[in-house]
Protein backbone atom coordinates (compact mmCIF):
# COMPACT_ATOMS: atom_id res chain seq x y z
CA MET A 1 -23.61 -15.25 2.71
CA PRO A 2 -22.19 -18.46 3.06
CA GLY A 3 -17.97 -18.44 1.69
CA ARG A 4 -16.27 -20.61 -0.69
CA THR A 5 -16.18 -23.47 2.18
CA GLY A 6 -19.41 -23.63 2.18
CA GLY A 7 -19.15 -22.36 6.24
CA THR A 8 -19.74 -18.75 7.79
CA GLY A 9 -17.64 -17.48 6.14
CA HIS A 10 -14.89 -17.29 8.70
CA ARG A 11 -12.07 -18.35 5.47
CA ASP A 12 -13.22 -15.37 3.45
CA ILE A 13 -12.82 -12.89 6.14
CA ALA A 14 -9.11 -14.08 7.48
CA GLU A 15 -8.41 -14.32 3.05
CA GLU A 16 -9.55 -10.81 2.98
CA ALA A 17 -7.57 -9.43 5.85
CA LEU A 18 -4.28 -11.00 4.50
CA MET A 19 -4.85 -9.22 1.46
CA GLY A 20 -5.44 -6.60 3.11
CA ILE A 21 -1.82 -6.91 4.89
CA ASP A 22 -0.21 -7.40 1.89
CA ASP A 23 -1.25 -4.39 0.28
CA LYS A 24 -0.89 -2.77 2.84
CA ALA A 25 2.97 -4.10 3.08
CA ASP A 26 3.24 -3.43 -0.53
CA ASN A 27 2.05 0.72 -0.48
CA LYS A 28 4.43 1.09 2.15
CA ALA A 29 7.59 -0.56 0.58
CA GLU A 30 6.28 1.99 -2.73
CA GLU A 31 6.44 4.51 -0.43
CA LEU A 32 9.83 3.86 1.25
CA LYS A 33 11.18 3.22 -2.30
CA GLY A 34 9.87 6.59 -3.53
CA LYS A 35 11.60 8.51 -0.42
CA GLY A 36 14.98 5.80 -1.20
CA LYS A 37 14.76 7.49 -4.92
CA ALA A 38 14.00 10.88 -3.87
CA LYS A 39 16.83 11.10 -1.87
CA VAL A 40 19.21 9.84 -4.10
CA GLY A 41 18.17 12.40 -6.27
CA ASP A 42 18.24 15.01 -4.20
CA ALA A 43 22.16 13.85 -3.50
CA THR A 44 23.54 12.99 -6.51
CA ASP A 45 21.52 16.66 -8.37
CA ASP A 46 19.37 14.06 -10.78
CA ARG A 47 15.96 16.19 -10.50
CA ASP A 48 14.12 13.52 -12.24
CA LEU A 49 14.90 11.02 -10.13
CA GLU A 50 14.27 12.62 -7.27
CA ALA A 51 11.30 13.88 -8.71
CA GLU A 52 10.42 10.16 -9.20
CA GLY A 53 10.91 9.29 -5.99
CA ARG A 54 8.50 11.51 -5.11
CA ALA A 55 5.84 10.85 -7.35
CA GLU A 56 6.26 7.58 -6.06
CA GLN A 57 6.08 8.40 -2.45
CA ALA A 58 3.11 10.12 -2.69
CA LYS A 59 1.48 7.16 -4.66
CA GLY A 60 2.55 4.79 -2.43
CA SER A 61 0.78 7.24 0.68
CA LEU A 62 -2.09 7.67 -1.52
CA LYS A 63 -2.99 3.73 -1.49
CA GLN A 64 -2.06 3.53 2.40
CA ALA A 65 -4.64 6.28 2.51
CA GLY A 66 -7.20 4.38 0.69
CA GLU A 67 -6.56 1.04 2.80
CA LYS A 68 -7.68 3.02 5.98
CA VAL A 69 -10.46 4.55 4.12
CA LYS A 70 -11.21 0.67 3.66
CA ASP A 71 -11.05 -0.79 6.64
CA ALA A 72 -12.81 2.25 8.40
CA PHE A 73 -16.21 1.23 6.49
CA LYS A 74 -15.18 -2.88 7.70
CA GLY A 75 -16.09 -2.22 11.26
């Protein structure tokens, strides 16, 4: 199936790869943000902040795992 450029679809593949990189970066940032919140919560004995951070960290990790699965199927 030709890409939007009317060619072989290389542009679509490149755009998809860039979107995948953006998604991975966003997921890693979410994980690191959560890790930071969890550490601050732990240091300040703020259990709610710590729990929120751990949840964000887990969410980012789960999204990263999903990206790896998608990559595996792309070949």
